Amino acid sequence: MSQASNAQTSTNAVSDGGAAATGESEAIAANTRGPWPATATATAIAYTNALEVIAATEPDVAAAIRGELENQRRQLKLIASENYASPAVLLAMGNWLSDKYAEGTPGHRMYAGCEMVDRVETLAAGHAIALFGAEHAYVQPHSGIDANLVAYWAILAKRVEAPALEEAGAKHVNDLPADAWDHLRHSFNEQRMLGMSLDAGGHLTHGFRPNISGKLFNQASYGVDPESGLIDYDALARQAREWRPLVLVGGYSAYPRNPNFALMAEIAEEVGATFMVDMAHFAGLVAGKVLTGDFDPVPHAGVVTSTTHKSLRGPRGGLVLCKGEYAPFVDKGCPMVLGGPLPHVMAAKAVALAEARRSSFADYAAAIVANARALAEGFSRRGVKLVTGGTDNHIVLMNVEASFGLTGRQAESALLDSGVVTNRNSVPSDPNGAWYTSGVRMGTPALTTLGFGADELDEVADVIAEALRATQPASGTSKAKYMIDAKVAERCRGRCTDLLAAHPLYPEIEL
């Protein structure tokens, strides 16, 4: 069965079955909280027994798994790139599918005996196609970096390699003589990319030197308006006309507003670039139809990449969506840059994507944004300076140097002492650089999964502001050392405990 035809089959299965088919009540299906199963007893037994099996061989691993659950239950998770996957998603990764090699694509494998791998990969791709309205989906990438690598090489294969093969009258790169192959290899590294700068909210995989993408492409960066912190599309268009990139990359990891992908697609078309969007952070907002029209990248970009574990609330992994013209090149991700796929993770992706197609996921996605705005407004009322002054998506980026006289690293550590997990992040024109930073990035997908609402996010803003006001640099020279009032840190931890007690993580699981 083709991926396109399977999308229709999956649509029928979800609409005909849905939550009712699994015995979940309408109240649970409509809840924005995590899609936990009604069979709590079965879930608890599954995890208890699994840990007993693990502990029989390596008790330290079982203890670390228990410890991770304990950590997550006692800390407010505000890391924008993290979430809580459902027990069903997590359980789908621990099974015999892990034992199977399956290089290739469904129906075209390098190994025999891949019938069940074909089944789960086709299911996952079909759900992705239906969920995002894509022409094609490739669910094998192991991570967001891998998904971006597949996308870059697919674009190079279509835009650079395919014309070279046609000119040489060859069907495959192995058919090229040595001199022609040498010329093609050098042609790959002559291509240009234009992506968002790191301090403006871009990502290392968008052409920066520490990542392989920066060693592959000749990269230039577009930034944001220094006053507003917003993308200046006229400036971007001028830069694109001058730079003439092969690839224009949209998407972000720390930009608290919604880019206009229709405008960016027009710019890419004008200069002859392939428009690629990395929606790893905001895929859940696209899936939940919070971002539509000009703000949904799928109709506008030739290739769209994503992770599956952030706002999409699935397992760790990546995926690539693309127009039909790029599909043959994307499907060569293995052996182009990937090794054998991870069938057990593709199975978990299928489960997560099926969950995202439920009507309740749209409520969840809308709540993510409402909670982020509540968090941002709570900070603003308390005099905290935010990059761009607020948010339109799931990210709130706080300038802690301007607000509290701290580096991002000092603030991140002080908040961890206070029961809040965040991560430091650069701000535009950051004076402290990319390691120490001047900002702290926060996101609301995880707390929204737990069922937090706007009033509680306002209290979270108060906890964070109280903790950071009680923090100061430990010396005039160190950008890492800090001091926090111990009584304030203890009080903040207690407030976090009270908030989490009202919204327990995996309440059906007692280990």
Protein backbone atom coordinates (compact mmCIF):
# COMPACT_ATOMS: atom_id res chain seq x y z
CA MET A 1 0.00 0.00 0.00
CA SER A 2 1.37 3.46 -0.88
CA GLN A 3 1.85 6.11 1.77
CA ALA A 4 -0.75 8.33 0.12
CA SER A 5 -3.40 5.61 0.08
CA ASN A 6 -2.56 4.66 3.63
CA ALA A 7 -3.25 8.23 4.73
CA GLN A 8 -6.90 7.75 3.77
CA THR A 9 -7.05 4.43 5.57
CA SER A 10 -5.58 6.02 8.69
CA THR A 11 -8.07 8.89 8.48
CA ASN A 12 -10.96 6.47 8.47
CA ALA A 13 -9.50 4.47 11.33
CA VAL A 14 -9.10 7.51 13.54
CA SER A 15 -12.45 9.10 12.77
CA ASP A 16 -14.38 5.82 13.09
CA GLY A 17 -12.60 4.69 16.23
CA GLY A 18 -11.14 7.64 18.09
CA ALA A 19 -11.22 7.79 21.85
CA ALA A 20 -14.47 5.85 22.15
CA ALA A 21 -12.97 2.76 20.54
CA THR A 22 -10.38 2.53 23.31
CA GLY A 23 -12.94 2.99 26.06
CA GLU A 24 -11.85 6.49 27.05
CA SER A 25 -14.53 8.79 28.34
CA GLU A 26 -15.46 11.92 26.41
CA ALA A 27 -14.12 13.96 29.31
CA ILE A 28 -10.65 12.47 28.90
CA ALA A 29 -10.75 12.83 25.10
CA ALA A 30 -11.64 16.51 25.39
CA ASN A 31 -9.03 17.25 28.02
CA THR A 32 -5.91 19.15 27.02
CA ARG A 33 -3.96 17.01 29.44
CA GLY A 34 -1.83 14.14 28.23
CA PRO A 35 -3.61 11.29 26.40
CA TRP A 36 -3.20 8.85 29.27
CA PRO A 37 -5.11 5.58 28.83
CA ALA A 38 -8.16 4.74 30.90
CA THR A 39 -6.63 1.37 31.73
CA ALA A 40 -4.46 2.79 34.51
CA THR A 41 -4.05 -0.55 36.22
CA ALA A 42 -2.66 -2.18 33.08
CA THR A 43 -0.25 0.73 32.60
CA ALA A 44 1.00 0.54 36.17
CA ILE A 45 1.50 -3.20 35.92
CA ALA A 46 3.36 -2.84 32.62
CA TYR A 47 5.91 -0.40 34.02
CA THR A 48 6.33 -2.18 37.34
CA ASN A 49 6.97 -5.48 35.62
CA ALA A 50 9.29 -3.94 33.04
CA LEU A 51 11.48 -2.43 35.73
CA GLU A 52 11.60 -5.72 37.58
CA VAL A 53 12.86 -7.43 34.44
CA ILE A 54 15.51 -4.73 33.91
CA ALA A 55 16.59 -4.78 37.54
CA ALA A 56 17.16 -8.51 37.40
CA THR A 57 20.03 -7.89 34.95
CA GLU A 58 21.27 -4.37 35.78
CA PRO A 59 19.65 -2.83 38.88
CA ASP A 60 21.49 0.47 38.44
CA VAL A 61 19.73 1.08 35.14
CA ALA A 62 16.35 0.35 36.72
CA ALA A 63 17.24 2.74 39.53
CA ALA A 64 18.20 5.47 37.05
CA ILE A 65 14.86 5.06 35.24
CA ARG A 66 13.00 5.41 38.54
CA GLY A 67 15.19 8.37 39.43
CA GLU A 68 14.36 10.15 36.19
CA LEU A 69 10.64 9.81 36.88
CA GLU A 70 11.19 11.17 40.38
CA ASN A 71 13.15 14.13 39.00
CA GLN A 72 10.46 14.97 36.49
CA ARG A 73 7.77 14.74 39.17
CA ARG A 74 9.49 17.24 41.47
CA GLN A 75 10.52 19.91 38.93
CA LEU A 76 8.53 22.37 36.88
CA LYS A 77 9.59 21.56 33.34
CA LEU A 78 9.82 24.73 31.28
CA ILE A 79 12.36 23.55 28.72
CA ALA A 80 10.70 24.46 25.43
CA SER A 81 12.08 21.42 23.60
CA GLU A 82 10.82 18.84 26.12
CA ASN A 83 7.46 17.28 26.84
CA TYR A 84 5.88 14.19 28.39
CA ALA A 85 5.07 11.35 25.99
CA SER A 86 2.11 9.13 26.79
CA PRO A 87 2.67 5.69 28.34
CA ALA A 88 1.47 4.19 25.05
CA VAL A 89 4.18 6.03 23.12
CA LEU A 90 6.86 5.06 25.62
CA LEU A 91 5.82 1.41 25.69
CA ALA A 92 5.80 1.24 21.88
CA MET A 93 9.58 1.73 21.93
CA GLY A 94 10.35 -1.31 24.07
CA ASN A 95 9.63 -4.31 21.88
CA TRP A 96 10.91 -6.78 19.29
CA LEU A 97 10.80 -4.27 16.44
CA SER A 98 14.11 -3.03 17.83
CA ASP A 99 15.75 -6.27 16.69
CA LYS A 100 15.03 -5.86 12.97
CA TYR A 101 17.27 -4.31 10.32
CA ALA A 102 15.19 -2.53 7.69
CA GLU A 103 17.36 -0.41 5.40
CA GLY A 104 15.31 0.91 2.52
CA THR A 105 11.65 1.91 2.37
CA PRO A 106 8.38 -0.06 2.72
CA GLY A 107 8.33 -2.79 0.08
CA HIS A 108 11.92 -2.05 -0.98
CA ARG A 109 14.21 -3.28 1.80
CA MET A 110 17.76 -4.55 1.75
CA TYR A 111 16.78 -7.25 4.27
CA ALA A 112 14.09 -9.91 4.14
CA GLY A 113 11.40 -10.35 6.77
CA CYS A 114 10.41 -6.69 7.15
CA GLU A 115 6.64 -7.11 6.87
CA MET A 116 5.88 -5.66 10.31
CA VAL A 117 8.41 -2.85 9.89
CA ASP A 118 6.72 -1.95 6.61
CA ARG A 119 3.44 -1.91 8.46
CA VAL A 120 4.46 0.48 11.24
CA GLU A 121 6.45 2.76 8.93
CA THR A 122 3.53 3.02 6.52
CA LEU A 123 1.17 3.73 9.41
CA ALA A 124 3.43 6.49 10.76
CA ALA A 125 3.88 8.09 7.33
CA GLY A 126 0.16 7.90 6.65
CA HIS A 127 -0.68 9.60 9.93
CA ALA A 128 1.91 12.34 9.21
CA ILE A 129 0.52 12.97 5.73
CA ALA A 130 -3.04 13.23 7.02
CA LEU A 131 -2.12 15.29 10.08
CA PHE A 132 -0.08 17.93 8.26
CA GLY A 133 -1.68 17.82 4.81
CA ALA A 134 1.66 16.91 3.27
CA GLU A 135 2.25 15.29 -0.10
CA HIS A 136 4.88 12.91 1.28
CA ALA A 137 6.30 11.88 4.65
CA TYR A 138 9.54 10.14 5.63
CA VAL A 139 9.61 8.98 9.24
CA GLN A 140 13.00 7.27 9.49
CA PRO A 141 15.24 10.12 10.80
CA HIS A 142 16.58 9.39 14.28
CA SER A 143 16.63 13.06 15.37
CA GLY A 144 16.08 16.61 14.21
CA ILE A 145 19.69 16.89 13.04
CA ASP A 146 19.25 13.73 10.97
CA ALA A 147 16.00 15.06 9.50
CA ASN A 148 17.76 18.27 8.47
CA LEU A 149 20.65 16.33 6.94
CA VAL A 150 18.21 14.24 4.91
CA ALA A 151 16.53 17.44 3.74
CA TYR A 152 19.76 19.19 2.79
CA TRP A 153 21.07 16.22 0.84
CA ALA A 154 17.70 15.70 -0.84
CA ILE A 155 17.80 19.31 -2.03
CA LEU A 156 21.40 18.91 -3.21
CA ALA A 157 20.51 15.65 -4.95
CA LYS A 158 17.61 17.25 -6.81
CA ARG A 159 19.14 20.65 -7.53
CA VAL A 160 22.82 19.74 -8.10
CA GLU A 161 23.31 15.99 -8.56
CA ALA A 162 20.34 15.19 -10.80
CA PRO A 163 21.18 17.89 -13.41
CA ALA A 164 24.81 16.74 -13.42
CA LEU A 165 23.77 13.14 -14.04
CA GLU A 166 21.43 14.20 -16.82
CA GLU A 167 24.15 16.27 -18.46
CA ALA A 168 26.55 13.31 -18.28
CA GLY A 169 23.94 10.88 -19.58
CA ALA A 170 24.32 8.78 -16.40
CA LYS A 171 21.63 7.18 -14.27
CA HIS A 172 23.66 6.82 -11.07
CA VAL A 173 26.67 8.49 -9.47
CA ASN A 174 28.53 5.20 -9.81
CA ASP A 175 28.27 5.59 -13.57
CA LEU A 176 30.21 8.86 -13.60
CA PRO A 177 33.86 8.85 -14.65
CA ALA A 178 36.37 10.01 -12.04
CA ASP A 179 36.73 13.56 -13.36
CA ALA A 180 32.97 14.13 -13.55
CA TRP A 181 32.49 12.73 -10.04
CA ASP A 182 35.28 14.96 -8.71
CA HIS A 183 33.60 18.00 -10.28
CA LEU A 184 30.24 17.04 -8.76
CA ARG A 185 31.75 16.60 -5.30
CA HIS A 186 33.20 20.07 -5.44
CA SER A 187 29.88 21.44 -6.71
CA PHE A 188 28.14 20.24 -3.54
CA ASN A 189 30.39 22.38 -1.35
CA GLU A 190 29.97 25.48 -3.48
CA GLN A 191 26.28 25.87 -2.59
CA ARG A 192 24.94 28.66 -0.42
CA MET A 193 22.44 28.66 2.43
CA LEU A 194 20.66 31.51 4.19
CA GLY A 195 19.30 30.83 7.69
CA MET A 196 18.36 32.65 10.87
CA SER A 197 21.29 33.76 13.04
CA LEU A 198 21.81 31.95 16.34
CA ASP A 199 21.36 35.00 18.56
CA ALA A 200 18.12 35.84 16.75
CA GLY A 201 16.71 32.40 17.51
CA GLY A 202 18.11 30.12 14.79
CA HIS A 203 19.62 26.67 15.27
CA LEU A 204 23.11 25.18 14.87
CA THR A 205 21.83 22.81 12.18
CA HIS A 206 20.91 25.76 9.95
CA GLY A 207 24.38 26.11 8.50
CA PHE A 208 26.62 26.99 11.43
CA ARG A 209 30.23 25.89 11.55
CA PRO A 210 30.14 23.60 14.63
CA ASN A 211 27.48 21.51 12.84
CA ILE A 212 28.02 19.49 9.68
CA SER A 213 25.58 21.79 7.85
CA GLY A 214 28.08 24.63 8.26
CA LYS A 215 30.85 22.50 6.82
CA LEU A 216 28.63 21.52 3.89
CA PHE A 217 27.23 24.91 2.87
CA ASN A 218 28.58 28.41 2.45
CA GLN A 219 26.21 30.01 4.95
CA ALA A 220 24.97 33.51 5.65
CA SER A 221 22.56 34.54 8.41
CA TYR A 222 19.57 36.82 8.53
CA GLY A 223 18.79 38.48 11.84
CA VAL A 224 15.99 40.50 13.40
CA ASP A 225 15.21 44.17 13.73
CA PRO A 226 17.41 45.47 16.58
CA GLU A 227 14.55 47.46 18.11
CA SER A 228 11.60 45.08 17.87
CA GLY A 229 13.44 41.75 17.77
CA LEU A 230 11.19 40.72 14.85
CA ILE A 231 12.12 39.39 11.42
CA ASP A 232 12.43 42.22 8.90
CA TYR A 233 11.14 40.63 5.70
CA ASP A 234 12.24 43.53 3.48
CA ALA A 235 15.79 43.21 4.82
CA LEU A 236 15.62 39.45 4.36
CA ALA A 237 14.54 39.88 0.74
CA ARG A 238 17.41 42.29 0.04
CA GLN A 239 19.91 39.91 1.60
CA ALA A 240 18.53 36.95 -0.36
CA ARG A 241 18.83 38.86 -3.63
CA GLU A 242 22.45 39.63 -2.85
CA TRP A 243 23.44 36.20 -1.46
CA ARG A 244 21.45 34.07 -3.96
CA PRO A 245 21.27 30.94 -1.77
CA LEU A 246 20.37 27.49 -3.01
CA VAL A 247 18.49 26.94 0.27
CA LEU A 248 16.54 29.47 2.33
CA VAL A 249 15.89 28.01 5.80
CA GLY A 250 12.95 29.08 7.93
CA GLY A 251 12.14 27.98 11.46
CA TYR A 252 13.67 28.65 14.84
CA SER A 253 14.58 27.31 18.24
CA ALA A 254 14.20 30.52 20.27
CA TYR A 255 12.03 33.03 18.37
CA PRO A 256 8.86 33.84 20.34
CA ARG A 257 6.81 34.98 17.36
CA ASN A 258 5.34 33.29 14.29
CA PRO A 259 7.24 33.73 11.01
CA ASN A 260 5.24 34.45 7.87
CA PHE A 261 6.15 31.46 5.73
CA ALA A 262 4.13 32.66 2.74
CA LEU A 263 6.32 35.77 2.54
CA MET A 264 9.48 33.73 2.97
CA ALA A 265 8.39 31.35 0.22
CA GLU A 266 7.93 34.31 -2.13
CA ILE A 267 11.44 35.50 -1.33
CA ALA A 268 12.85 32.02 -1.96
CA GLU A 269 11.03 31.73 -5.28
CA GLU A 270 12.27 35.15 -6.42
CA VAL A 271 15.92 34.19 -5.94
CA GLY A 272 15.58 30.60 -7.14
CA ALA A 273 16.11 29.03 -3.71
CA THR A 274 14.47 25.95 -2.29
CA PHE A 275 12.47 27.00 0.74
CA MET A 276 13.00 24.60 3.65
CA VAL A 277 11.42 24.99 7.08
CA ASP A 278 12.55 23.34 10.31
CA MET A 279 9.40 23.18 12.45
CA ALA A 280 10.87 20.97 15.16
CA HIS A 281 9.76 23.35 17.90
CA PHE A 282 6.30 24.26 16.72
CA ALA A 283 5.12 21.13 14.88
CA GLY A 284 2.49 20.54 17.57
CA LEU A 285 1.02 23.99 16.91
CA VAL A 286 0.80 23.15 13.20
CA ALA A 287 -0.71 19.73 13.94
CA GLY A 288 -3.24 21.31 16.31
CA LYS A 289 -4.20 23.92 13.69
CA VAL A 290 -3.12 26.82 15.85
CA LEU A 291 -0.78 27.86 13.01
CA THR A 292 -2.62 27.96 9.69
CA GLY A 293 -2.50 29.89 6.43
CA ASP A 294 0.64 31.97 6.08
CA PHE A 295 1.98 30.58 9.37
CA ASP A 296 1.72 26.89 8.42
CA PRO A 297 4.96 26.00 6.61
CA VAL A 298 3.74 22.80 4.94
CA PRO A 299 1.86 24.39 2.00
CA HIS A 300 4.63 26.90 1.35
CA ALA A 301 7.92 24.99 1.67
CA GLY A 302 9.41 22.41 -0.65
CA VAL A 303 10.75 20.49 2.35
CA VAL A 304 9.70 20.65 6.01
CA THR A 305 11.57 18.91 8.82
CA SER A 306 10.61 18.27 12.41
CA THR A 307 11.32 16.37 15.55
CA THR A 308 8.54 14.30 17.06
CA HIS A 309 9.28 14.82 20.76
CA LYS A 310 8.73 18.53 21.42
CA SER A 311 5.31 20.16 21.07
CA LEU A 312 4.22 17.12 19.02
CA ARG A 313 4.51 15.08 22.26
CA GLY A 314 5.93 11.90 20.75
CA PRO A 315 9.10 9.81 21.00
CA ARG A 316 12.58 11.15 20.37
CA GLY A 317 13.03 11.20 16.62
CA GLY A 318 12.62 13.18 13.43
CA LEU A 319 10.55 13.30 10.27
CA VAL A 320 10.63 14.97 6.87
CA LEU A 321 7.61 16.22 4.94
CA CYS A 322 7.98 17.35 1.34
CA LYS A 323 6.37 18.12 -1.97
CA GLY A 324 6.09 15.19 -4.35
CA GLU A 325 8.98 16.41 -6.48
CA TYR A 326 11.38 15.92 -3.56
CA ALA A 327 9.98 12.56 -2.41
CA PRO A 328 12.33 10.27 -4.41
CA PHE A 329 15.34 12.13 -3.03
CA VAL A 330 14.09 12.28 0.56
CA ASP A 331 13.39 8.53 0.51
CA LYS A 332 17.10 7.95 -0.13
CA GLY A 333 17.88 9.25 3.37
CA CYS A 334 19.18 5.75 4.01
CA PRO A 335 21.91 5.10 2.89
CA MET A 336 22.52 8.78 2.03
CA VAL A 337 23.03 9.95 5.63
CA LEU A 338 21.09 7.54 7.84
CA GLY A 339 21.90 4.02 8.90
CA GLY A 340 19.25 1.40 9.42
CA PRO A 341 16.00 2.88 10.71
CA LEU A 342 14.76 2.32 14.25
CA PRO A 343 11.52 0.35 13.76
CA HIS A 344 10.55 0.50 17.43
CA VAL A 345 10.78 4.31 17.37
CA MET A 346 8.80 4.46 14.12
CA ALA A 347 6.11 2.42 15.89
CA ALA A 348 6.09 4.98 18.70
CA LYS A 349 5.88 7.78 16.12
CA ALA A 350 2.80 6.10 14.64
CA VAL A 351 1.18 6.03 18.08
CA ALA A 352 2.03 9.68 18.80
CA LEU A 353 0.85 10.88 15.40
CA ALA A 354 -2.40 8.97 15.88
CA GLU A 355 -2.83 10.75 19.22
CA ALA A 356 -2.16 14.10 17.55
CA ARG A 357 -4.99 13.45 15.08
CA ARG A 358 -7.56 13.33 17.86
CA SER A 359 -9.72 16.42 18.32
CA SER A 360 -8.37 16.82 21.86
CA PHE A 361 -4.92 17.62 20.47
CA ALA A 362 -6.23 20.84 18.93
CA ASP A 363 -7.41 21.90 22.40
CA TYR A 364 -3.99 21.01 23.77
CA ALA A 365 -2.15 23.05 21.12
CA ALA A 366 -4.36 26.08 21.74
CA ALA A 367 -3.74 25.76 25.48
CA ILE A 368 0.04 25.73 24.91
CA VAL A 369 -0.16 29.19 23.32
CA ALA A 370 -2.64 30.54 25.87
CA ASN A 371 -0.35 29.38 28.68
CA ALA A 372 2.72 30.92 27.04
CA ARG A 373 0.93 34.24 26.78
CA ALA A 374 -0.14 33.99 30.42
CA LEU A 375 3.47 33.30 31.42
CA ALA A 376 4.73 36.24 29.35
CA GLU A 377 2.09 38.60 30.74
CA GLY A 378 2.93 37.44 34.26
CA PHE A 379 6.57 38.35 33.69
CA SER A 380 5.70 41.72 32.16
CA ARG A 381 3.51 42.65 35.12
CA ARG A 382 6.48 41.90 37.38
CA GLY A 383 8.85 44.12 35.39
CA VAL A 384 10.77 41.33 33.64
CA LYS A 385 12.17 42.19 30.20
CA LEU A 386 11.23 39.75 27.43
CA VAL A 387 12.69 39.48 23.94
CA THR A 388 10.10 40.96 21.51
CA GLY A 389 8.03 41.96 24.56
CA GLY A 390 5.95 38.79 24.62
CA THR A 391 5.06 35.69 22.61
CA ASP A 392 2.74 34.39 19.91
CA ASN A 393 3.78 30.74 20.19
CA HIS A 394 5.01 28.37 22.93
CA ILE A 395 8.29 30.17 23.71
CA VAL A 396 9.01 32.92 26.22
CA LEU A 397 12.56 34.31 26.06
CA MET A 398 13.61 36.29 29.12
CA ASN A 399 16.53 38.74 29.12
CA VAL A 400 17.95 37.97 32.57
CA GLU A 401 20.89 40.33 32.25
CA ALA A 402 18.61 43.29 31.61
CA SER A 403 16.12 42.16 34.23
CA PHE A 404 18.27 40.79 37.05
CA GLY A 405 21.93 41.50 36.22
CA LEU A 406 22.62 37.78 35.70
CA THR A 407 24.00 35.67 32.91
CA GLY A 408 21.82 32.97 31.47
CA ARG A 409 23.99 30.32 33.08
CA GLN A 410 23.67 31.87 36.53
CA ALA A 411 19.90 32.21 36.16
CA GLU A 412 19.47 28.67 34.83
CA SER A 413 21.36 27.25 37.84
CA ALA A 414 19.50 29.37 40.38
CA LEU A 415 16.17 28.31 38.93
CA LEU A 416 17.17 24.66 39.13
CA ASP A 417 17.91 25.21 42.84
CA SER A 418 14.39 26.64 43.09
CA GLY A 419 12.61 23.69 41.46
CA VAL A 420 12.30 25.06 37.91
CA VAL A 421 14.03 23.47 34.90
CA THR A 422 14.86 25.86 32.05
CA ASN A 423 17.78 26.39 29.70
CA ARG A 424 19.96 29.40 29.06
CA ASN A 425 19.76 30.92 25.59
CA SER A 426 21.24 33.75 23.58
CA VAL A 427 19.32 36.95 22.98
CA PRO A 428 19.80 39.20 19.93
CA SER A 429 23.27 40.81 19.97
CA ASP A 430 24.05 38.89 23.14
CA PRO A 431 27.01 40.46 25.03
CA ASN A 432 27.72 37.23 26.93
CA GLY A 433 28.06 34.97 23.90
CA ALA A 434 26.49 31.61 23.14
CA TRP A 435 27.84 29.72 26.17
CA TYR A 436 27.00 31.94 29.14
CA THR A 437 24.26 33.91 27.33
CA SER A 438 22.07 36.73 28.60
CA GLY A 439 18.77 34.93 28.30
CA VAL A 440 16.69 32.05 29.62
CA ARG A 441 14.33 30.25 27.26
CA MET A 442 11.06 28.82 28.53
CA GLY A 443 8.26 26.89 26.87
CA THR A 444 4.83 25.69 27.94
CA PRO A 445 4.23 22.34 26.13
CA ALA A 446 5.16 20.14 29.13
CA LEU A 447 3.23 22.01 31.82
CA THR A 448 0.25 22.17 29.46
CA THR A 449 0.41 18.39 29.12
CA LEU A 450 0.13 18.18 32.92
CA GLY A 451 -3.02 20.31 32.81
CA PHE A 452 -1.68 23.67 33.99
CA GLY A 453 -3.81 26.68 33.12
CA ALA A 454 -3.30 30.43 32.79
CA ASP A 455 -3.62 31.22 36.51
CA GLU A 456 -0.99 28.63 37.37
CA LEU A 457 1.37 29.94 34.69
CA ASP A 458 1.04 33.37 36.27
CA GLU A 459 2.10 31.82 39.58
CA VAL A 460 5.02 30.14 37.81
CA ALA A 461 6.10 33.59 36.58
CA ASP A 462 5.97 34.81 40.18
CA VAL A 463 8.07 31.88 41.42
CA ILE A 464 10.72 32.53 38.76
CA ALA A 465 10.80 36.28 39.38
CA GLU A 466 11.10 35.73 43.16
CA ALA A 467 13.96 33.25 42.73
CA LEU A 468 15.94 35.44 40.35
CA ARG A 469 15.50 38.57 42.43
CA ALA A 470 17.11 36.64 45.27
CA THR A 471 20.08 35.67 43.08
CA GLN A 472 23.25 37.61 42.39
CA PRO A 473 26.62 36.92 40.77
CA ALA A 474 29.10 35.36 43.20
CA SER A 475 31.97 37.47 41.87
CA GLY A 476 32.61 40.29 39.49
CA THR A 477 34.48 38.11 37.01
CA SER A 478 32.74 34.72 36.89
CA LYS A 479 29.81 34.39 34.52
CA ALA A 480 28.84 31.02 36.01
CA LYS A 481 29.07 31.36 39.79
CA TYR A 482 26.08 32.75 41.65
CA MET A 483 24.52 33.07 45.09
CA ILE A 484 20.84 32.59 45.88
CA ASP A 485 19.11 33.22 49.19
CA ALA A 486 18.62 29.71 50.61
CA LYS A 487 15.30 30.55 52.26
CA VAL A 488 13.90 31.95 49.03
CA ALA A 489 15.06 28.89 47.07
CA GLU A 490 13.40 26.61 49.63
CA ARG A 491 10.17 28.60 49.51
CA CYS A 492 10.14 28.46 45.71
CA ARG A 493 10.70 24.70 45.74
CA GLY A 494 7.72 24.36 48.06
CA ARG A 495 5.53 26.38 45.73
CA CYS A 496 6.62 24.20 42.81
CA THR A 497 5.79 21.08 44.83
CA ASP A 498 2.29 22.40 45.53
CA LEU A 499 1.70 23.20 41.85
CA LEU A 500 2.86 19.75 40.75
CA ALA A 501 0.80 18.01 43.44
CA ALA A 502 -2.33 19.39 41.79
CA HIS A 503 -1.22 17.99 38.41
CA PRO A 504 0.74 14.77 39.01
CA LEU A 505 2.82 13.24 36.24
CA TYR A 506 1.68 9.74 35.22
CA PRO A 507 -0.55 9.43 38.31
CA GLU A 508 -1.46 5.85 37.44
CA ILE A 509 2.16 4.73 37.76
CA GLU A 510 3.47 4.03 41.25
CA LEU A 511 6.96 2.49 41.38
